[in-house]
Amino acid sequence: GIGPNTAAVLDELGYRIDCSVRPLFDYGAEDGPSFW
């Protein structure tokens, strides 16, 4: 569940790698992100 602020928040807290993107999956039916 990444959102519009996640990347900036990770940057601020010193993170260098994100592993949240799941191509070909869509969680929009539950108000989650779409990675189609």
PDB file of all heavy atoms in Angstrom:
ATOM      1  N   GLY A   1       0.768  -1.235   0.000  1.00  0.00           N
ATOM      2  CA  GLY A   1       0.000   0.000   0.000  1.00  0.00           C
ATOM      3  C   GLY A   1       0.795   1.279   0.000  1.00  0.00           C
ATOM      4  O   GLY A   1       0.686   2.082   0.939  1.00  0.00           O
ATOM      5  N   ILE A   2       1.574   1.523  -1.023  1.00  0.00           N
ATOM      6  CA  ILE A   2       2.221   2.827  -1.148  1.00  0.00           C
ATOM      7  C   ILE A   2       1.212   3.852  -1.639  1.00  0.00           C
ATOM      8  O   ILE A   2       0.202   3.521  -2.258  1.00  0.00           O
ATOM      9  CB  ILE A   2       3.445   2.781  -2.084  1.00  0.00           C
ATOM     10  CG1 ILE A   2       3.066   2.231  -3.466  1.00  0.00           C
ATOM     11  CG2 ILE A   2       4.566   1.959  -1.474  1.00  0.00           C
ATOM     12  CD1 ILE A   2       4.178   2.280  -4.470  1.00  0.00           C
ATOM     13  N   GLY A   3       1.496   5.115  -1.333  1.00  0.00           N
ATOM     14  CA  GLY A   3       0.600   6.194  -1.714  1.00  0.00           C
ATOM     15  C   GLY A   3       1.362   7.398  -2.224  1.00  0.00           C
ATOM     16  O   GLY A   3       2.584   7.330  -2.458  1.00  0.00           O
ATOM     17  N   PRO A   4       0.683   8.524  -2.376  1.00  0.00           N
ATOM     18  CA  PRO A   4       1.321   9.698  -2.989  1.00  0.00           C
ATOM     19  C   PRO A   4       2.453  10.294  -2.171  1.00  0.00           C
ATOM     20  O   PRO A   4       3.297  11.009  -2.718  1.00  0.00           O
ATOM     21  CB  PRO A   4       0.155  10.687  -3.124  1.00  0.00           C
ATOM     22  CG  PRO A   4      -0.856  10.251  -2.109  1.00  0.00           C
ATOM     23  CD  PRO A   4      -0.730   8.758  -2.056  1.00  0.00           C
ATOM     24  N   ASN A   5       2.499  10.009  -0.865  1.00  0.00           N
ATOM     25  CA  ASN A   5       3.536  10.597  -0.008  1.00  0.00           C
ATOM     26  C   ASN A   5       4.639   9.617   0.373  1.00  0.00           C
ATOM     27  O   ASN A   5       5.633  10.016   0.976  1.00  0.00           O
ATOM     28  CB  ASN A   5       2.891  11.130   1.285  1.00  0.00           C
ATOM     29  CG  ASN A   5       1.818  12.165   1.021  1.00  0.00           C
ATOM     30  OD1 ASN A   5       2.046  13.121   0.290  1.00  0.00           O
ATOM     31  ND2 ASN A   5       0.639  11.962   1.598  1.00  0.00           N
ATOM     32  N   THR A   6       4.474   8.348   0.020  1.00  0.00           N
ATOM     33  CA  THR A   6       5.364   7.320   0.544  1.00  0.00           C
ATOM     34  C   THR A   6       6.820   7.550   0.153  1.00  0.00           C
ATOM     35  O   THR A   6       7.720   7.458   0.997  1.00  0.00           O
ATOM     36  CB  THR A   6       4.910   5.930   0.077  1.00  0.00           C
ATOM     37  OG1 THR A   6       3.547   5.726   0.465  1.00  0.00           O
ATOM     38  CG2 THR A   6       5.778   4.844   0.694  1.00  0.00           C
ATOM     39  N   ALA A   7       7.077   7.824  -1.115  1.00  0.00           N
ATOM     40  CA  ALA A   7       8.462   7.972  -1.555  1.00  0.00           C
ATOM     41  C   ALA A   7       9.162   9.113  -0.832  1.00  0.00           C
ATOM     42  O   ALA A   7      10.314   8.979  -0.400  1.00  0.00           O
ATOM     43  CB  ALA A   7       8.506   8.189  -3.073  1.00  0.00           C
ATOM     44  N   ALA A   8       8.462  10.237  -0.661  1.00  0.00           N
ATOM     45  CA  ALA A   8       9.070  11.381   0.027  1.00  0.00           C
ATOM     46  C   ALA A   8       9.325  11.057   1.497  1.00  0.00           C
ATOM     47  O   ALA A   8      10.367  11.424   2.061  1.00  0.00           O
ATOM     48  CB  ALA A   8       8.181  12.609  -0.103  1.00  0.00           C
ATOM     49  N   VAL A   9       8.391  10.361   2.137  1.00  0.00           N
ATOM     50  CA  VAL A   9       8.567   9.984   3.541  1.00  0.00           C
ATOM     51  C   VAL A   9       9.757   9.047   3.693  1.00  0.00           C
ATOM     52  O   VAL A   9      10.585   9.193   4.610  1.00  0.00           O
ATOM     53  CB  VAL A   9       7.279   9.332   4.085  1.00  0.00           C
ATOM     54  CG1 VAL A   9       7.538   8.659   5.433  1.00  0.00           C
ATOM     55  CG2 VAL A   9       6.166  10.374   4.214  1.00  0.00           C
ATOM     56  N   LEU A  10       9.862   8.070   2.801  1.00  0.00           N
ATOM     57  CA  LEU A  10      11.003   7.152   2.843  1.00  0.00           C
ATOM     58  C   LEU A  10      12.313   7.920   2.679  1.00  0.00           C
ATOM     59  O   LEU A  10      13.299   7.657   3.377  1.00  0.00           O
ATOM     60  CB  LEU A  10      10.866   6.096   1.749  1.00  0.00           C
ATOM     61  CG  LEU A  10       9.756   5.061   1.937  1.00  0.00           C
ATOM     62  CD1 LEU A  10       9.614   4.202   0.683  1.00  0.00           C
ATOM     63  CD2 LEU A  10      10.019   4.179   3.143  1.00  0.00           C
ATOM     64  N   ASP A  11      12.335   8.857   1.765  1.00  0.00           N
ATOM     65  CA  ASP A  11      13.526   9.673   1.537  1.00  0.00           C
ATOM     66  C   ASP A  11      13.920  10.420   2.820  1.00  0.00           C
ATOM     67  O   ASP A  11      15.092  10.427   3.208  1.00  0.00           O
ATOM     68  CB  ASP A  11      13.231  10.675   0.414  1.00  0.00           C
ATOM     69  CG  ASP A  11      14.378  10.799  -0.570  1.00  0.00           C
ATOM     70  OD1 ASP A  11      15.217   9.882  -0.638  1.00  0.00           O
ATOM     71  OD2 ASP A  11      14.436  11.827  -1.273  1.00  0.00           O
ATOM     72  N   GLU A  12      12.947  11.006   3.474  1.00  0.00           N
ATOM     73  CA  GLU A  12      13.213  11.777   4.694  1.00  0.00           C
ATOM     74  C   GLU A  12      13.777  10.899   5.806  1.00  0.00           C
ATOM     75  O   GLU A  12      14.608  11.356   6.604  1.00  0.00           O
ATOM     76  CB  GLU A  12      11.921  12.443   5.171  1.00  0.00           C
ATOM     77  CG  GLU A  12      11.430  13.577   4.289  1.00  0.00           C
ATOM     78  CD  GLU A  12      10.072  14.079   4.733  1.00  0.00           C
ATOM     79  OE1 GLU A  12       9.627  13.701   5.846  1.00  0.00           O
ATOM     80  OE2 GLU A  12       9.452  14.854   3.974  1.00  0.00           O
ATOM     81  N   LEU A  13      13.330   9.649   5.880  1.00  0.00           N
ATOM     82  CA  LEU A  13      13.741   8.762   6.962  1.00  0.00           C
ATOM     83  C   LEU A  13      14.987   7.943   6.623  1.00  0.00           C
ATOM     84  O   LEU A  13      15.376   7.064   7.391  1.00  0.00           O
ATOM     85  CB  LEU A  13      12.578   7.841   7.344  1.00  0.00           C
ATOM     86  CG  LEU A  13      11.361   8.542   7.958  1.00  0.00           C
ATOM     87  CD1 LEU A  13      10.240   7.542   8.226  1.00  0.00           C
ATOM     88  CD2 LEU A  13      11.737   9.271   9.245  1.00  0.00           C
ATOM     89  N   GLY A  14      15.599   8.229   5.494  1.00  0.00           N
ATOM     90  CA  GLY A  14      16.868   7.594   5.161  1.00  0.00           C
ATOM     91  C   GLY A  14      16.768   6.256   4.456  1.00  0.00           C
ATOM     92  O   GLY A  14      17.768   5.542   4.328  1.00  0.00           O
ATOM     93  N   TYR A  15      15.591   5.920   3.949  1.00  0.00           N
ATOM     94  CA  TYR A  15      15.455   4.670   3.192  1.00  0.00           C
ATOM     95  C   TYR A  15      16.003   4.852   1.783  1.00  0.00           C
ATOM     96  O   TYR A  15      15.943   5.927   1.204  1.00  0.00           O
ATOM     97  CB  TYR A  15      13.981   4.233   3.139  1.00  0.00           C
ATOM     98  CG  TYR A  15      13.506   3.608   4.427  1.00  0.00           C
ATOM     99  CD1 TYR A  15      13.065   4.401   5.486  1.00  0.00           C
ATOM    100  CD2 TYR A  15      13.524   2.231   4.602  1.00  0.00           C
ATOM    101  CE1 TYR A  15      12.652   3.837   6.679  1.00  0.00           C
ATOM    102  CE2 TYR A  15      13.109   1.656   5.790  1.00  0.00           C
ATOM    103  CZ  TYR A  15      12.674   2.458   6.821  1.00  0.00           C
ATOM    104  OH  TYR A  15      12.273   1.890   8.000  1.00  0.00           O
ATOM    105  N   ARG A  16      16.540   3.769   1.242  1.00  0.00           N
ATOM    106  CA  ARG A  16      17.116   3.824  -0.102  1.00  0.00           C
ATOM    107  C   ARG A  16      16.430   2.869  -1.082  1.00  0.00           C
ATOM    108  O   ARG A  16      16.606   3.004  -2.292  1.00  0.00           O
ATOM    109  CB  ARG A  16      18.614   3.462  -0.040  1.00  0.00           C
ATOM    110  CG  ARG A  16      19.477   4.405   0.781  1.00  0.00           C
ATOM    111  CD  ARG A  16      19.469   5.832   0.220  1.00  0.00           C
ATOM    112  NE  ARG A  16      19.580   5.867  -1.218  1.00  0.00           N
ATOM    113  CZ  ARG A  16      20.721   5.677  -1.907  1.00  0.00           C
ATOM    114  NH1 ARG A  16      21.849   5.442  -1.253  1.00  0.00           N
ATOM    115  NH2 ARG A  16      20.737   5.740  -3.221  1.00  0.00           N
ATOM    116  N   ILE A  17      15.679   1.902  -0.560  1.00  0.00           N
ATOM    117  CA  ILE A  17      15.085   0.868  -1.416  1.00  0.00           C
ATOM    118  C   ILE A  17      13.637   0.643  -1.000  1.00  0.00           C
ATOM    119  O   ILE A  17      13.331   0.529   0.190  1.00  0.00           O
ATOM    120  CB  ILE A  17      15.849  -0.468  -1.290  1.00  0.00           C
ATOM    121  CG1 ILE A  17      17.327  -0.279  -1.620  1.00  0.00           C
ATOM    122  CG2 ILE A  17      15.238  -1.539  -2.196  1.00  0.00           C
ATOM    123  CD1 ILE A  17      18.210  -1.437  -1.175  1.00  0.00           C
ATOM    124  N   ASP A  18      12.750   0.583  -1.988  1.00  0.00           N
ATOM    125  CA  ASP A  18      11.364   0.191  -1.744  1.00  0.00           C
ATOM    126  C   ASP A  18      11.076  -1.084  -2.531  1.00  0.00           C
ATOM    127  O   ASP A  18      11.567  -1.262  -3.646  1.00  0.00           O
ATOM    128  CB  ASP A  18      10.395   1.284  -2.182  1.00  0.00           C
ATOM    129  CG  ASP A  18       8.955   0.866  -1.955  1.00  0.00           C
ATOM    130  OD1 ASP A  18       8.551   0.763  -0.783  1.00  0.00           O
ATOM    131  OD2 ASP A  18       8.235   0.604  -2.941  1.00  0.00           O
ATOM    132  N   CYS A  19      10.284  -1.988  -1.921  1.00  0.00           N
ATOM    133  CA  CYS A  19       9.926  -3.259  -2.563  1.00  0.00           C
ATOM    134  C   CYS A  19       8.414  -3.455  -2.577  1.00  0.00           C
ATOM    135  O   CYS A  19       7.920  -4.581  -2.472  1.00  0.00           O
ATOM    136  CB  CYS A  19      10.576  -4.432  -1.821  1.00  0.00           C
ATOM    137  SG  CYS A  19      12.362  -4.358  -1.674  1.00  0.00           S
ATOM    138  N   SER A  20       7.659  -2.357  -2.698  1.00  0.00           N
ATOM    139  CA  SER A  20       6.206  -2.423  -2.552  1.00  0.00           C
ATOM    140  C   SER A  20       5.444  -2.607  -3.857  1.00  0.00           C
ATOM    141  O   SER A  20       4.269  -2.987  -3.830  1.00  0.00           O
ATOM    142  CB  SER A  20       5.690  -1.142  -1.884  1.00  0.00           C
ATOM    143  OG  SER A  20       6.340  -0.889  -0.661  1.00  0.00           O
ATOM    144  N   VAL A  21       6.063  -2.320  -4.980  1.00  0.00           N
ATOM    145  CA  VAL A  21       5.346  -2.344  -6.259  1.00  0.00           C
ATOM    146  C   VAL A  21       5.133  -3.789  -6.714  1.00  0.00           C
ATOM    147  O   VAL A  21       6.084  -4.571  -6.776  1.00  0.00           O
ATOM    148  CB  VAL A  21       6.101  -1.523  -7.318  1.00  0.00           C
ATOM    149  CG1 VAL A  21       5.496  -1.734  -8.702  1.00  0.00           C
ATOM    150  CG2 VAL A  21       6.076  -0.046  -6.951  1.00  0.00           C
ATOM    151  N   ARG A  22       3.883  -4.116  -7.044  1.00  0.00           N
ATOM    152  CA  ARG A  22       3.537  -5.473  -7.480  1.00  0.00           C
ATOM    153  C   ARG A  22       2.887  -5.404  -8.867  1.00  0.00           C
ATOM    154  O   ARG A  22       1.658  -5.348  -8.995  1.00  0.00           O
ATOM    155  CB  ARG A  22       2.586  -6.135  -6.484  1.00  0.00           C
ATOM    156  CG  ARG A  22       2.522  -7.644  -6.638  1.00  0.00           C
ATOM    157  CD  ARG A  22       1.594  -8.294  -5.633  1.00  0.00           C
ATOM    158  NE  ARG A  22       1.809  -9.729  -5.632  1.00  0.00           N
ATOM    159  CZ  ARG A  22       0.989 -10.607  -5.063  1.00  0.00           C
ATOM    160  NH1 ARG A  22      -0.118 -10.183  -4.466  1.00  0.00           N
ATOM    161  NH2 ARG A  22       1.258 -11.897  -5.106  1.00  0.00           N
ATOM    162  N   PRO A  23       3.699  -5.420  -9.920  1.00  0.00           N
ATOM    163  CA  PRO A  23       3.161  -5.303 -11.277  1.00  0.00           C
ATOM    164  C   PRO A  23       2.082  -6.342 -11.578  1.00  0.00           C
ATOM    165  O   PRO A  23       2.117  -7.464 -11.067  1.00  0.00           O
ATOM    166  CB  PRO A  23       4.398  -5.519 -12.155  1.00  0.00           C
ATOM    167  CG  PRO A  23       5.542  -5.091 -11.295  1.00  0.00           C
ATOM    168  CD  PRO A  23       5.166  -5.509  -9.910  1.00  0.00           C
ATOM    169  N   LEU A  24       1.115  -5.921 -12.391  1.00  0.00           N
ATOM    170  CA  LEU A  24      -0.001  -6.754 -12.868  1.00  0.00           C
ATOM    171  C   LEU A  24      -1.053  -6.999 -11.796  1.00  0.00           C
ATOM    172  O   LEU A  24      -1.967  -7.803 -12.001  1.00  0.00           O
ATOM    173  CB  LEU A  24       0.483  -8.096 -13.431  1.00  0.00           C
ATOM    174  CG  LEU A  24       1.571  -8.046 -14.511  1.00  0.00           C
ATOM    175  CD1 LEU A  24       1.839  -9.456 -15.055  1.00  0.00           C
ATOM    176  CD2 LEU A  24       1.192  -7.107 -15.628  1.00  0.00           C
ATOM    177  N   PHE A  25      -0.964  -6.302 -10.665  1.00  0.00           N
ATOM    178  CA  PHE A  25      -1.972  -6.435  -9.608  1.00  0.00           C
ATOM    179  C   PHE A  25      -2.649  -5.080  -9.373  1.00  0.00           C
ATOM    180  O   PHE A  25      -2.024  -4.025  -9.516  1.00  0.00           O
ATOM    181  CB  PHE A  25      -1.346  -6.923  -8.304  1.00  0.00           C
ATOM    182  CG  PHE A  25      -1.058  -8.398  -8.294  1.00  0.00           C
ATOM    183  CD1 PHE A  25       0.040  -8.903  -8.986  1.00  0.00           C
ATOM    184  CD2 PHE A  25      -1.874  -9.283  -7.607  1.00  0.00           C
ATOM    185  CE1 PHE A  25       0.310 -10.274  -8.986  1.00  0.00           C
ATOM    186  CE2 PHE A  25      -1.615 -10.645  -7.601  1.00  0.00           C
ATOM    187  CZ  PHE A  25      -0.519 -11.146  -8.291  1.00  0.00           C
ATOM    188  N   ASP A  26      -3.933  -5.146  -9.000  1.00  0.00           N
ATOM    189  CA  ASP A  26      -4.735  -3.946  -8.779  1.00  0.00           C
ATOM    190  C   ASP A  26      -5.535  -4.119  -7.491  1.00  0.00           C
ATOM    191  O   ASP A  26      -6.337  -5.052  -7.371  1.00  0.00           O
ATOM    192  CB  ASP A  26      -5.682  -3.741  -9.968  1.00  0.00           C
ATOM    193  CG  ASP A  26      -6.498  -2.462  -9.866  1.00  0.00           C
ATOM    194  OD1 ASP A  26      -6.412  -1.773  -8.830  1.00  0.00           O
ATOM    195  OD2 ASP A  26      -7.235  -2.156 -10.822  1.00  0.00           O
ATOM    196  N   TYR A  27      -5.300  -3.232  -6.518  1.00  0.00           N
ATOM    197  CA  TYR A  27      -5.994  -3.291  -5.242  1.00  0.00           C
ATOM    198  C   TYR A  27      -7.023  -2.166  -5.122  1.00  0.00           C
ATOM    199  O   TYR A  27      -7.462  -1.806  -4.036  1.00  0.00           O
ATOM    200  CB  TYR A  27      -4.983  -3.215  -4.096  1.00  0.00           C
ATOM    201  CG  TYR A  27      -4.006  -4.371  -4.130  1.00  0.00           C
ATOM    202  CD1 TYR A  27      -2.770  -4.251  -4.771  1.00  0.00           C
ATOM    203  CD2 TYR A  27      -4.333  -5.599  -3.570  1.00  0.00           C
ATOM    204  CE1 TYR A  27      -1.885  -5.329  -4.842  1.00  0.00           C
ATOM    205  CE2 TYR A  27      -3.459  -6.678  -3.623  1.00  0.00           C
ATOM    206  CZ  TYR A  27      -2.245  -6.533  -4.263  1.00  0.00           C
ATOM    207  OH  TYR A  27      -1.387  -7.606  -4.337  1.00  0.00           O
ATOM    208  N   GLY A  28      -7.424  -1.639  -6.273  1.00  0.00           N
ATOM    209  CA  GLY A  28      -8.353  -0.513  -6.299  1.00  0.00           C
ATOM    210  C   GLY A  28      -9.718  -0.826  -5.718  1.00  0.00           C
ATOM    211  O   GLY A  28     -10.396   0.078  -5.204  1.00  0.00           O
ATOM    212  N   ALA A  29     -10.150  -2.071  -5.772  1.00  0.00           N
ATOM    213  CA  ALA A  29     -11.471  -2.423  -5.240  1.00  0.00           C
ATOM    214  C   ALA A  29     -11.562  -2.181  -3.746  1.00  0.00           C
ATOM    215  O   ALA A  29     -12.665  -2.026  -3.197  1.00  0.00           O
ATOM    216  CB  ALA A  29     -11.788  -3.889  -5.549  1.00  0.00           C
ATOM    217  N   GLU A  30     -10.407  -2.130  -3.054  1.00  0.00           N
ATOM    218  CA  GLU A  30     -10.374  -1.849  -1.613  1.00  0.00           C
ATOM    219  C   GLU A  30      -9.729  -0.493  -1.326  1.00  0.00           C
ATOM    220  O   GLU A  30      -9.256  -0.242  -0.224  1.00  0.00           O
ATOM    221  CB  GLU A  30      -9.608  -2.950  -0.886  1.00  0.00           C
ATOM    222  CG  GLU A  30     -10.256  -4.324  -0.977  1.00  0.00           C
ATOM    223  CD  GLU A  30      -9.474  -5.376  -0.215  1.00  0.00           C
ATOM    224  OE1 GLU A  30      -8.348  -5.719  -0.658  1.00  0.00           O
ATOM    225  OE2 GLU A  30      -9.970  -5.842   0.822  1.00  0.00           O
ATOM    226  N   ASP A  31      -9.708   0.372  -2.336  1.00  0.00           N
ATOM    227  CA  ASP A  31      -9.078   1.687  -2.211  1.00  0.00           C
ATOM    228  C   ASP A  31      -7.565   1.599  -2.069  1.00  0.00           C
ATOM    229  O   ASP A  31      -6.923   2.514  -1.535  1.00  0.00           O
ATOM    230  CB  ASP A  31      -9.651   2.483  -1.032  1.00  0.00           C
ATOM    231  CG  ASP A  31     -11.046   3.017  -1.322  1.00  0.00           C
ATOM    232  OD1 ASP A  31     -11.349   3.244  -2.509  1.00  0.00           O
ATOM    233  OD2 ASP A  31     -11.829   3.193  -0.377  1.00  0.00           O
ATOM    234  N   GLY A  32      -6.979   0.520  -2.560  1.00  0.00           N
ATOM    235  CA  GLY A  32      -5.535   0.387  -2.575  1.00  0.00           C
ATOM    236  C   GLY A  32      -4.957   0.824  -3.913  1.00  0.00           C
ATOM    237  O   GLY A  32      -5.687   1.273  -4.808  1.00  0.00           O
ATOM    238  N   PRO A  33      -3.647   0.698  -4.100  1.00  0.00           N
ATOM    239  CA  PRO A  33      -3.011   1.135  -5.339  1.00  0.00           C
ATOM    240  C   PRO A  33      -3.231   0.151  -6.489  1.00  0.00           C
ATOM    241  O   PRO A  33      -3.511  -1.030  -6.274  1.00  0.00           O
ATOM    242  CB  PRO A  33      -1.532   1.211  -4.971  1.00  0.00           C
ATOM    243  CG  PRO A  33      -1.387   0.190  -3.884  1.00  0.00           C
ATOM    244  CD  PRO A  33      -2.670   0.205  -3.108  1.00  0.00           C
ATOM    245  N   SER A  34      -3.088   0.656  -7.695  1.00  0.00           N
ATOM    246  CA  SER A  34      -3.113  -0.191  -8.892  1.00  0.00           C
ATOM    247  C   SER A  34      -1.724  -0.200  -9.506  1.00  0.00           C
ATOM    248  O   SER A  34      -1.113   0.847  -9.708  1.00  0.00           O
ATOM    249  CB  SER A  34      -4.110   0.352  -9.916  1.00  0.00           C
ATOM    250  OG  SER A  34      -4.014  -0.383 -11.133  1.00  0.00           O
ATOM    251  N   PHE A  35      -1.232  -1.403  -9.790  1.00  0.00           N
ATOM    252  CA  PHE A  35       0.102  -1.557 -10.390  1.00  0.00           C
ATOM    253  C   PHE A  35       0.028  -2.191 -11.777  1.00  0.00           C
ATOM    254  O   PHE A  35       0.989  -2.809 -12.221  1.00  0.00           O
ATOM    255  CB  PHE A  35       0.983  -2.430  -9.474  1.00  0.00           C
ATOM    256  CG  PHE A  35       1.189  -1.873  -8.091  1.00  0.00           C
ATOM    257  CD1 PHE A  35       0.761  -2.583  -6.976  1.00  0.00           C
ATOM    258  CD2 PHE A  35       1.813  -0.655  -7.896  1.00  0.00           C
ATOM    259  CE1 PHE A  35       0.962  -2.097  -5.694  1.00  0.00           C
ATOM    260  CE2 PHE A  35       2.013  -0.151  -6.615  1.00  0.00           C
ATOM    261  CZ  PHE A  35       1.591  -0.870  -5.513  1.00  0.00           C
ATOM    262  N   TRP A  36      -1.118  -2.056 -12.421  1.00  0.00           N
ATOM    263  CA  TRP A  36      -1.276  -2.729 -13.713  1.00  0.00           C
ATOM    264  C   TRP A  36      -0.168  -2.377 -14.697  1.00  0.00           C
ATOM    265  O   TRP A  36       0.311  -3.220 -15.434  1.00  0.00           O
ATOM    266  CB  TRP A  36      -2.635  -2.382 -14.320  1.00  0.00           C
ATOM    267  CG  TRP A  36      -3.727  -3.291 -13.886  1.00  0.00           C
ATOM    268  CD1 TRP A  36      -4.806  -2.979 -13.114  1.00  0.00           C
ATOM    269  CD2 TRP A  36      -3.841  -4.694 -14.167  1.00  0.00           C
ATOM    270  NE1 TRP A  36      -5.580  -4.091 -12.902  1.00  0.00           N
ATOM    271  CE2 TRP A  36      -5.018  -5.155 -13.542  1.00  0.00           C
ATOM    272  CE3 TRP A  36      -3.074  -5.600 -14.887  1.00  0.00           C
ATOM    273  CZ2 TRP A  36      -5.438  -6.476 -13.613  1.00  0.00           C
ATOM    274  CZ3 TRP A  36      -3.487  -6.922 -14.961  1.00  0.00           C
ATOM    275  CH2 TRP A  36      -4.652  -7.347 -14.334  1.00  0.00           C
TER     276      TRP A  36
END
